[in-house]
Structure formats: C-alpha cells, structure tokens
Amino acid sequence: MNFLKRNYGWIIVTILAIMPMFIIIEMVRIDFTNGLSITLIDGAGGEGATTLEMLYHISGEFAIRWMTAVLSCTPFLILFGVTNLL
C-alpha cells in the first residue's frame, strides 16, 4: 500500500498513456498458428477510412492531446510555484 501512496501519480500517467492501445489493438489481428502473424483487420477503420489511416489518426490525435497536457504543466508551475504536481 505504501508503494501506491508514493507512486499514485506515475500510475495515473501510465494508465492514461496506454489507453489508446486498447483502441488500436482492436484494429490488429495477431495470429500464432503458424508462428507470429500480425495483420490489419479490413473495415475496422469505419467512417470511410482504411484501418491504417485510422491508426494514424488515433495515435496522432492522442499525441497532440498528450503534448498539450504536458506542455501546459510548465505555465502552471511558473504561476503557482508548485514543485510536485503528482
């Protein structure tokens, strides 16, 4: 329990960082019957886009949101003098 109390911030950040993987993993088929085979599922993109386009869109959108959240921490630190956000 001490570990959770000391590192709850990192745990939250890690959970937020892997959230897009749940969406992306639904668009990929992994097959172990004859070794390892990784293929994209046809039609998983929806909205008239291919699966690969949707993978780019989802990962890019998340990257922009993540960068915005991280870069907004610096002004918060400067304005309020917080030394430890998490």
PDB file of N, CA and C in Angstrom:
ATOM      1  N   MET A   1       0.811  -1.188   0.000  1.00  0.00           N
ATOM      2  CA  MET A   1       0.000   0.000   0.000  1.00  0.00           C
ATOM      3  C   MET A   1       0.859   1.259   0.000  1.00  0.00           C
ATOM      4  N   ASN A   2       2.007   1.181   0.618  1.00  0.00           N
ATOM      5  CA  ASN A   2       2.932   2.308   0.627  1.00  0.00           C
ATOM      6  C   ASN A   2       3.379   2.665  -0.781  1.00  0.00           C
ATOM      7  N   PHE A   3       3.587   1.636  -1.603  1.00  0.00           N
ATOM      8  CA  PHE A   3       4.004   1.846  -2.982  1.00  0.00           C
ATOM      9  C   PHE A   3       2.960   2.664  -3.738  1.00  0.00           C
ATOM     10  N   LEU A   4       1.682   2.335  -3.542  1.00  0.00           N
ATOM     11  CA  LEU A   4       0.607   3.057  -4.221  1.00  0.00           C
ATOM     12  C   LEU A   4       0.518   4.505  -3.744  1.00  0.00           C
ATOM     13  N   LYS A   5       0.721   4.733  -2.478  1.00  0.00           N
ATOM     14  CA  LYS A   5       0.665   6.085  -1.939  1.00  0.00           C
ATOM     15  C   LYS A   5       1.804   6.951  -2.476  1.00  0.00           C
ATOM     16  N   ARG A   6       2.976   6.370  -2.611  1.00  0.00           N
ATOM     17  CA  ARG A   6       4.129   7.126  -3.087  1.00  0.00           C
ATOM     18  C   ARG A   6       4.089   7.353  -4.589  1.00  0.00           C
ATOM     19  N   ASN A   7       3.521   6.423  -5.347  1.00  0.00           N
ATOM     20  CA  ASN A   7       3.619   6.473  -6.802  1.00  0.00           C
ATOM     21  C   ASN A   7       2.275   6.592  -7.519  1.00  0.00           C
ATOM     22  N   TYR A   8       1.270   7.110  -6.861  1.00  0.00           N
ATOM     23  CA  TYR A   8      -0.053   7.176  -7.500  1.00  0.00           C
ATOM     24  C   TYR A   8      -0.038   8.056  -8.749  1.00  0.00           C
ATOM     25  N   GLY A   9       0.784   9.087  -8.753  1.00  0.00           N
ATOM     26  CA  GLY A   9       0.882   9.971  -9.924  1.00  0.00           C
ATOM     27  C   GLY A   9       1.405   9.243 -11.141  1.00  0.00           C
ATOM     28  N   TRP A  10       2.456   8.461 -10.951  1.00  0.00           N
ATOM     29  CA  TRP A  10       3.025   7.708 -12.072  1.00  0.00           C
ATOM     30  C   TRP A  10       2.062   6.636 -12.551  1.00  0.00           C
ATOM     31  N   ILE A  11       1.302   6.056 -11.656  1.00  0.00           N
ATOM     32  CA  ILE A  11       0.327   5.040 -12.051  1.00  0.00           C
ATOM     33  C   ILE A  11      -0.763   5.671 -12.910  1.00  0.00           C
ATOM     34  N   ILE A  12      -1.235   6.840 -12.541  1.00  0.00           N
ATOM     35  CA  ILE A  12      -2.250   7.527 -13.334  1.00  0.00           C
ATOM     36  C   ILE A  12      -1.702   7.889 -14.710  1.00  0.00           C
ATOM     37  N   VAL A  13      -0.494   8.403 -14.770  1.00  0.00           N
ATOM     38  CA  VAL A  13       0.121   8.765 -16.048  1.00  0.00           C
ATOM     39  C   VAL A  13       0.294   7.535 -16.929  1.00  0.00           C
ATOM     40  N   THR A  14       0.698   6.427 -16.363  1.00  0.00           N
ATOM     41  CA  THR A  14       0.884   5.207 -17.134  1.00  0.00           C
ATOM     42  C   THR A  14      -0.437   4.687 -17.686  1.00  0.00           C
ATOM     43  N   ILE A  15      -1.474   4.724 -16.892  1.00  0.00           N
ATOM     44  CA  ILE A  15      -2.793   4.279 -17.374  1.00  0.00           C
ATOM     45  C   ILE A  15      -3.274   5.167 -18.510  1.00  0.00           C
ATOM     46  N   LEU A  16      -3.111   6.479 -18.370  1.00  0.00           N
ATOM     47  CA  LEU A  16      -3.505   7.394 -19.439  1.00  0.00           C
ATOM     48  C   LEU A  16      -2.684   7.184 -20.707  1.00  0.00           C
ATOM     49  N   ALA A  17      -1.412   6.838 -20.542  1.00  0.00           N
ATOM     50  CA  ALA A  17      -0.547   6.650 -21.710  1.00  0.00           C
ATOM     51  C   ALA A  17      -0.892   5.386 -22.500  1.00  0.00           C
ATOM     52  N   ILE A  18      -1.399   4.354 -21.845  1.00  0.00           N
ATOM     53  CA  ILE A  18      -1.704   3.120 -22.578  1.00  0.00           C
ATOM     54  C   ILE A  18      -3.148   3.044 -23.062  1.00  0.00           C
ATOM     55  N   MET A  19      -3.966   4.041 -22.744  1.00  0.00           N
ATOM     56  CA  MET A  19      -5.369   3.998 -23.169  1.00  0.00           C
ATOM     57  C   MET A  19      -5.561   3.873 -24.680  1.00  0.00           C
ATOM     58  N   PRO A  20      -4.796   4.575 -25.526  1.00  0.00           N
ATOM     59  CA  PRO A  20      -5.000   4.415 -26.972  1.00  0.00           C
ATOM     60  C   PRO A  20      -4.680   3.006 -27.462  1.00  0.00           C
ATOM     61  N   MET A  21      -3.871   2.291 -26.725  1.00  0.00           N
ATOM     62  CA  MET A  21      -3.532   0.930 -27.143  1.00  0.00           C
ATOM     63  C   MET A  21      -4.757   0.023 -27.149  1.00  0.00           C
ATOM     64  N   PHE A  22      -5.738   0.285 -26.278  1.00  0.00           N
ATOM     65  CA  PHE A  22      -6.950  -0.525 -26.267  1.00  0.00           C
ATOM     66  C   PHE A  22      -7.740  -0.341 -27.557  1.00  0.00           C
ATOM     67  N   ILE A  23      -7.756   0.871 -28.090  1.00  0.00           N
ATOM     68  CA  ILE A  23      -8.451   1.141 -29.345  1.00  0.00           C
ATOM     69  C   ILE A  23      -7.668   0.556 -30.512  1.00  0.00           C
ATOM     70  N   ILE A  24      -6.367   0.740 -30.505  1.00  0.00           N
ATOM     71  CA  ILE A  24      -5.525   0.283 -31.615  1.00  0.00           C
ATOM     72  C   ILE A  24      -5.492  -1.236 -31.688  1.00  0.00           C
ATOM     73  N   ILE A  25      -5.490  -1.928 -30.560  1.00  0.00           N
ATOM     74  CA  ILE A  25      -5.386  -3.394 -30.556  1.00  0.00           C
ATOM     75  C   ILE A  25      -6.614  -4.039 -31.188  1.00  0.00           C
ATOM     76  N   GLU A  26      -7.754  -3.337 -31.197  1.00  0.00           N
ATOM     77  CA  GLU A  26      -8.951  -3.878 -31.831  1.00  0.00           C
ATOM     78  C   GLU A  26      -8.865  -3.860 -33.346  1.00  0.00           C
ATOM     79  N   MET A  27      -7.923  -3.099 -33.896  1.00  0.00           N
ATOM     80  CA  MET A  27      -7.768  -2.987 -35.341  1.00  0.00           C
ATOM     81  C   MET A  27      -6.689  -3.917 -35.891  1.00  0.00           C
ATOM     82  N   VAL A  28      -6.053  -4.661 -35.023  1.00  0.00           N
ATOM     83  CA  VAL A  28      -4.952  -5.540 -35.410  1.00  0.00           C
ATOM     84  C   VAL A  28      -5.290  -6.973 -35.037  1.00  0.00           C
ATOM     85  N   ARG A  29      -4.989  -7.893 -35.937  1.00  0.00           N
ATOM     86  CA  ARG A  29      -5.191  -9.320 -35.667  1.00  0.00           C
ATOM     87  C   ARG A  29      -3.826  -9.965 -35.483  1.00  0.00           C
ATOM     88  N   ILE A  30      -3.646 -10.640 -34.368  1.00  0.00           N
ATOM     89  CA  ILE A  30      -2.403 -11.350 -34.072  1.00  0.00           C
ATOM     90  C   ILE A  30      -2.710 -12.835 -34.088  1.00  0.00           C
ATOM     91  N   ASP A  31      -1.976 -13.575 -34.914  1.00  0.00           N
ATOM     92  CA  ASP A  31      -2.236 -14.999 -35.103  1.00  0.00           C
ATOM     93  C   ASP A  31      -0.967 -15.790 -34.783  1.00  0.00           C
ATOM     94  N   PHE A  32      -1.091 -16.804 -33.939  1.00  0.00           N
ATOM     95  CA  PHE A  32       0.052 -17.612 -33.529  1.00  0.00           C
ATOM     96  C   PHE A  32       0.023 -19.026 -34.100  1.00  0.00           C
ATOM     97  N   THR A  33      -0.869 -19.325 -35.045  1.00  0.00           N
ATOM     98  CA  THR A  33      -0.992 -20.702 -35.527  1.00  0.00           C
ATOM     99  C   THR A  33       0.252 -21.156 -36.276  1.00  0.00           C
ATOM    100  N   ASN A  34       0.772 -20.347 -37.180  1.00  0.00           N
ATOM    101  CA  ASN A  34       1.989 -20.695 -37.922  1.00  0.00           C
ATOM    102  C   ASN A  34       3.082 -19.682 -37.608  1.00  0.00           C
ATOM    103  N   GLY A  35       3.466 -19.611 -36.402  1.00  0.00           N
ATOM    104  CA  GLY A  35       4.426 -18.611 -35.986  1.00  0.00           C
ATOM    105  C   GLY A  35       3.686 -17.361 -35.544  1.00  0.00           C
ATOM    106  N   LEU A  36       4.244 -16.211 -35.843  1.00  0.00           N
ATOM    107  CA  LEU A  36       3.628 -14.943 -35.459  1.00  0.00           C
ATOM    108  C   LEU A  36       3.210 -14.198 -36.710  1.00  0.00           C
ATOM    109  N   SER A  37       1.945 -13.861 -36.808  1.00  0.00           N
ATOM    110  CA  SER A  37       1.413 -13.121 -37.945  1.00  0.00           C
ATOM    111  C   SER A  37       0.591 -11.952 -37.425  1.00  0.00           C
ATOM    112  N   ILE A  38       0.970 -10.733 -37.832  1.00  0.00           N
ATOM    113  CA  ILE A  38       0.255  -9.530 -37.423  1.00  0.00           C
ATOM    114  C   ILE A  38      -0.326  -8.883 -38.669  1.00  0.00           C
ATOM    115  N   THR A  39      -1.655  -8.755 -38.730  1.00  0.00           N
ATOM    116  CA  THR A  39      -2.319  -8.148 -39.883  1.00  0.00           C
ATOM    117  C   THR A  39      -3.348  -7.132 -39.408  1.00  0.00           C
ATOM    118  N   LEU A  40      -3.676  -6.207 -40.312  1.00  0.00           N
ATOM    119  CA  LEU A  40      -4.712  -5.225 -40.022  1.00  0.00           C
ATOM    120  C   LEU A  40      -6.059  -5.809 -40.401  1.00  0.00           C
ATOM    121  N   ILE A  41      -7.074  -5.539 -39.619  1.00  0.00           N
ATOM    122  CA  ILE A  41      -8.420  -6.027 -39.890  1.00  0.00           C
ATOM    123  C   ILE A  41      -9.065  -5.100 -40.913  1.00  0.00           C
ATOM    124  N   ASP A  42      -9.599  -5.660 -42.007  1.00  0.00           N
ATOM    125  CA  ASP A  42     -10.260  -4.862 -43.034  1.00  0.00           C
ATOM    126  C   ASP A  42     -11.548  -4.269 -42.503  1.00  0.00           C
ATOM    127  N   GLY A  43     -11.779  -3.012 -42.806  1.00  0.00           N
ATOM    128  CA  GLY A  43     -13.022  -2.354 -42.406  1.00  0.00           C
ATOM    129  C   GLY A  43     -13.090  -1.940 -40.957  1.00  0.00           C
ATOM    130  N   ALA A  44     -12.014  -2.057 -40.231  1.00  0.00           N
ATOM    131  CA  ALA A  44     -12.039  -1.672 -38.815  1.00  0.00           C
ATOM    132  C   ALA A  44     -11.943  -0.165 -38.641  1.00  0.00           C
ATOM    133  N   GLY A  45     -11.549   0.523 -39.711  1.00  0.00           N
ATOM    134  CA  GLY A  45     -11.411   1.971 -39.628  1.00  0.00           C
ATOM    135  C   GLY A  45     -12.725   2.692 -39.497  1.00  0.00           C
ATOM    136  N   GLY A  46     -13.726   2.251 -40.237  1.00  0.00           N
ATOM    137  CA  GLY A  46     -15.028   2.924 -40.194  1.00  0.00           C
ATOM    138  C   GLY A  46     -14.954   4.309 -40.802  1.00  0.00           C
ATOM    139  N   GLU A  47     -16.064   4.955 -40.938  1.00  0.00           N
ATOM    140  CA  GLU A  47     -16.163   6.314 -41.455  1.00  0.00           C
ATOM    141  C   GLU A  47     -15.506   6.479 -42.819  1.00  0.00           C
ATOM    142  N   GLY A  48     -15.445   5.442 -43.614  1.00  0.00           N
ATOM    143  CA  GLY A  48     -14.877   5.508 -44.954  1.00  0.00           C
ATOM    144  C   GLY A  48     -13.363   5.537 -45.001  1.00  0.00           C
ATOM    145  N   ALA A  49     -12.707   5.390 -43.885  1.00  0.00           N
ATOM    146  CA  ALA A  49     -11.242   5.409 -43.842  1.00  0.00           C
ATOM    147  C   ALA A  49     -10.718   3.985 -43.731  1.00  0.00           C
ATOM    148  N   THR A  50      -9.512   3.776 -44.224  1.00  0.00           N
ATOM    149  CA  THR A  50      -8.898   2.463 -44.085  1.00  0.00           C
ATOM    150  C   THR A  50      -8.406   2.285 -42.655  1.00  0.00           C
ATOM    151  N   THR A  51      -8.081   1.072 -42.328  1.00  0.00           N
ATOM    152  CA  THR A  51      -7.613   0.788 -40.968  1.00  0.00           C
ATOM    153  C   THR A  51      -6.306   1.518 -40.672  1.00  0.00           C
ATOM    154  N   LEU A  52      -5.407   1.550 -41.645  1.00  0.00           N
ATOM    155  CA  LEU A  52      -4.123   2.211 -41.441  1.00  0.00           C
ATOM    156  C   LEU A  52      -4.304   3.715 -41.232  1.00  0.00           C
ATOM    157  N   GLU A  53      -5.211   4.320 -41.983  1.00  0.00           N
ATOM    158  CA  GLU A  53      -5.482   5.743 -41.787  1.00  0.00           C
ATOM    159  C   GLU A  53      -6.036   6.009 -40.395  1.00  0.00           C
ATOM    160  N   MET A  54      -6.915   5.134 -39.934  1.00  0.00           N
ATOM    161  CA  MET A  54      -7.472   5.316 -38.593  1.00  0.00           C
ATOM    162  C   MET A  54      -6.413   5.111 -37.510  1.00  0.00           C
ATOM    163  N   LEU A  55      -5.465   4.193 -37.733  1.00  0.00           N
ATOM    164  CA  LEU A  55      -4.375   4.021 -36.769  1.00  0.00           C
ATOM    165  C   LEU A  55      -3.545   5.295 -36.668  1.00  0.00           C
ATOM    166  N   TYR A  56      -3.242   5.904 -37.833  1.00  0.00           N
ATOM    167  CA  TYR A  56      -2.508   7.172 -37.826  1.00  0.00           C
ATOM    168  C   TYR A  56      -3.314   8.249 -37.113  1.00  0.00           C
ATOM    169  N   HIS A  57      -4.600   8.304 -37.394  1.00  0.00           N
ATOM    170  CA  HIS A  57      -5.462   9.339 -36.814  1.00  0.00           C
ATOM    171  C   HIS A  57      -5.552   9.205 -35.293  1.00  0.00           C
ATOM    172  N   ILE A  58      -5.782   8.008 -34.814  1.00  0.00           N
ATOM    173  CA  ILE A  58      -5.935   7.788 -33.371  1.00  0.00           C
ATOM    174  C   ILE A  58      -4.639   8.080 -32.631  1.00  0.00           C
ATOM    175  N   SER A  59      -3.519   7.547 -33.138  1.00  0.00           N
ATOM    176  CA  SER A  59      -2.253   7.767 -32.441  1.00  0.00           C
ATOM    177  C   SER A  59      -1.819   9.226 -32.535  1.00  0.00           C
ATOM    178  N   GLY A  60      -2.062   9.881 -33.671  1.00  0.00           N
ATOM    179  CA  GLY A  60      -1.695  11.285 -33.820  1.00  0.00           C
ATOM    180  C   GLY A  60      -2.532  12.194 -32.943  1.00  0.00           C
ATOM    181  N   GLU A  61      -3.824  11.924 -32.893  1.00  0.00           N
ATOM    182  CA  GLU A  61      -4.713  12.734 -32.055  1.00  0.00           C
ATOM    183  C   GLU A  61      -4.329  12.599 -30.585  1.00  0.00           C
ATOM    184  N   PHE A  62      -4.021  11.383 -30.163  1.00  0.00           N
ATOM    185  CA  PHE A  62      -3.618  11.195 -28.771  1.00  0.00           C
ATOM    186  C   PHE A  62      -2.296  11.892 -28.487  1.00  0.00           C
ATOM    187  N   ALA A  63      -1.362  11.853 -29.448  1.00  0.00           N
ATOM    188  CA  ALA A  63      -0.069  12.509 -29.249  1.00  0.00           C
ATOM    189  C   ALA A  63      -0.236  14.010 -29.084  1.00  0.00           C
ATOM    190  N   ILE A  64      -1.125  14.617 -29.878  1.00  0.00           N
ATOM    191  CA  ILE A  64      -1.356  16.054 -29.755  1.00  0.00           C
ATOM    192  C   ILE A  64      -1.988  16.380 -28.407  1.00  0.00           C
ATOM    193  N   ARG A  65      -2.950  15.583 -27.986  1.00  0.00           N
ATOM    194  CA  ARG A  65      -3.579  15.827 -26.678  1.00  0.00           C
ATOM    195  C   ARG A  65      -2.579  15.664 -25.536  1.00  0.00           C
ATOM    196  N   TRP A  66      -1.748  14.641 -25.621  1.00  0.00           N
ATOM    197  CA  TRP A  66      -0.756  14.377 -24.580  1.00  0.00           C
ATOM    198  C   TRP A  66       0.250  15.523 -24.515  1.00  0.00           C
ATOM    199  N   MET A  67       0.720  15.986 -25.698  1.00  0.00           N
ATOM    200  CA  MET A  67       1.678  17.088 -25.727  1.00  0.00           C
ATOM    201  C   MET A  67       1.078  18.362 -25.147  1.00  0.00           C
ATOM    202  N   THR A  68      -0.181  18.626 -25.461  1.00  0.00           N
ATOM    203  CA  THR A  68      -0.854  19.811 -24.924  1.00  0.00           C
ATOM    204  C   THR A  68      -0.947  19.733 -23.400  1.00  0.00           C
ATOM    205  N   ALA A  69      -1.297  18.578 -22.886  1.00  0.00           N
ATOM    206  CA  ALA A  69      -1.401  18.413 -21.432  1.00  0.00           C
ATOM    207  C   ALA A  69      -0.045  18.580 -20.760  1.00  0.00           C
ATOM    208  N   VAL A  70       0.983  17.996 -21.338  1.00  0.00           N
ATOM    209  CA  VAL A  70       2.315  18.069 -20.733  1.00  0.00           C
ATOM    210  C   VAL A  70       2.870  19.485 -20.800  1.00  0.00           C
ATOM    211  N   LEU A  71       2.702  20.145 -21.952  1.00  0.00           N
ATOM    212  CA  LEU A  71       3.238  21.494 -22.093  1.00  0.00           C
ATOM    213  C   LEU A  71       2.470  22.517 -21.274  1.00  0.00           C
ATOM    214  N   SER A  72       1.249  22.226 -20.914  1.00  0.00           N
ATOM    215  CA  SER A  72       0.501  23.156 -20.069  1.00  0.00           C
ATOM    216  C   SER A  72       0.931  23.070 -18.610  1.00  0.00           C
ATOM    217  N   CYS A  73       1.710  22.089 -18.264  1.00  0.00           N
ATOM    218  CA  CYS A  73       2.195  21.964 -16.877  1.00  0.00           C
ATOM    219  C   CYS A  73       3.218  23.041 -16.534  1.00  0.00           C
ATOM    220  N   THR A  74       4.033  23.472 -17.500  1.00  0.00           N
ATOM    221  CA  THR A  74       5.075  24.462 -17.229  1.00  0.00           C
ATOM    222  C   THR A  74       4.490  25.810 -16.791  1.00  0.00           C
ATOM    223  N   PRO A  75       3.518  26.376 -17.517  1.00  0.00           N
ATOM    224  CA  PRO A  75       2.938  27.633 -17.012  1.00  0.00           C
ATOM    225  C   PRO A  75       2.278  27.464 -15.639  1.00  0.00           C
ATOM    226  N   PHE A  76       1.686  26.312 -15.407  1.00  0.00           N
ATOM    227  CA  PHE A  76       1.074  26.044 -14.101  1.00  0.00           C
ATOM    228  C   PHE A  76       2.143  26.087 -13.008  1.00  0.00           C
ATOM    229  N   LEU A  77       3.292  25.488 -13.297  1.00  0.00           N
ATOM    230  CA  LEU A  77       4.388  25.511 -12.325  1.00  0.00           C
ATOM    231  C   LEU A  77       4.886  26.932 -12.090  1.00  0.00           C
ATOM    232  N   ILE A  78       5.016  27.696 -13.167  1.00  0.00           N
ATOM    233  CA  ILE A  78       5.530  29.062 -13.038  1.00  0.00           C
ATOM    234  C   ILE A  78       4.540  29.944 -12.279  1.00  0.00           C
ATOM    235  N   LEU A  79       3.269  29.855 -12.608  1.00  0.00           N
ATOM    236  CA  LEU A  79       2.270  30.724 -11.986  1.00  0.00           C
ATOM    237  C   LEU A  79       2.024  30.407 -10.517  1.00  0.00           C
ATOM    238  N   PHE A  80       1.943  29.145 -10.199  1.00  0.00           N
ATOM    239  CA  PHE A  80       1.545  28.762  -8.853  1.00  0.00           C
ATOM    240  C   PHE A  80       2.684  28.255  -7.976  1.00  0.00           C
ATOM    241  N   GLY A  81       3.876  28.101  -8.539  1.00  0.00           N
ATOM    242  CA  GLY A  81       5.021  27.671  -7.753  1.00  0.00           C
ATOM    243  C   GLY A  81       4.928  26.258  -7.221  1.00  0.00           C
ATOM    244  N   VAL A  82       4.159  25.423  -7.886  1.00  0.00           N
ATOM    245  CA  VAL A  82       4.015  24.029  -7.454  1.00  0.00           C
ATOM    246  C   VAL A  82       5.283  23.295  -7.872  1.00  0.00           C
ATOM    247  N   THR A  83       5.888  22.581  -6.935  1.00  0.00           N
ATOM    248  CA  THR A  83       7.117  21.864  -7.265  1.00  0.00           C
ATOM    249  C   THR A  83       6.864  20.401  -7.595  1.00  0.00           C
ATOM    250  N   ASN A  84       5.736  19.867  -7.152  1.00  0.00           N
ATOM    251  CA  ASN A  84       5.428  18.465  -7.413  1.00  0.00           C
ATOM    252  C   ASN A  84       3.938  18.334  -7.744  1.00  0.00           C
ATOM    253  N   LEU A  85       3.644  18.157  -9.035  1.00  0.00           N
ATOM    254  CA  LEU A  85       2.238  18.062  -9.451  1.00  0.00           C
ATOM    255  C   LEU A  85       1.603  16.749  -9.072  1.00  0.00           C
ATOM    256  N   LEU A  86       2.361  15.684  -9.108  1.00  0.00           N
ATOM    257  CA  LEU A  86       1.780  14.366  -8.835  1.00  0.00           C
ATOM    258  C   LEU A  86       2.270  13.812  -7.526  1.00  0.00           C
TER     259      LEU A  86
END
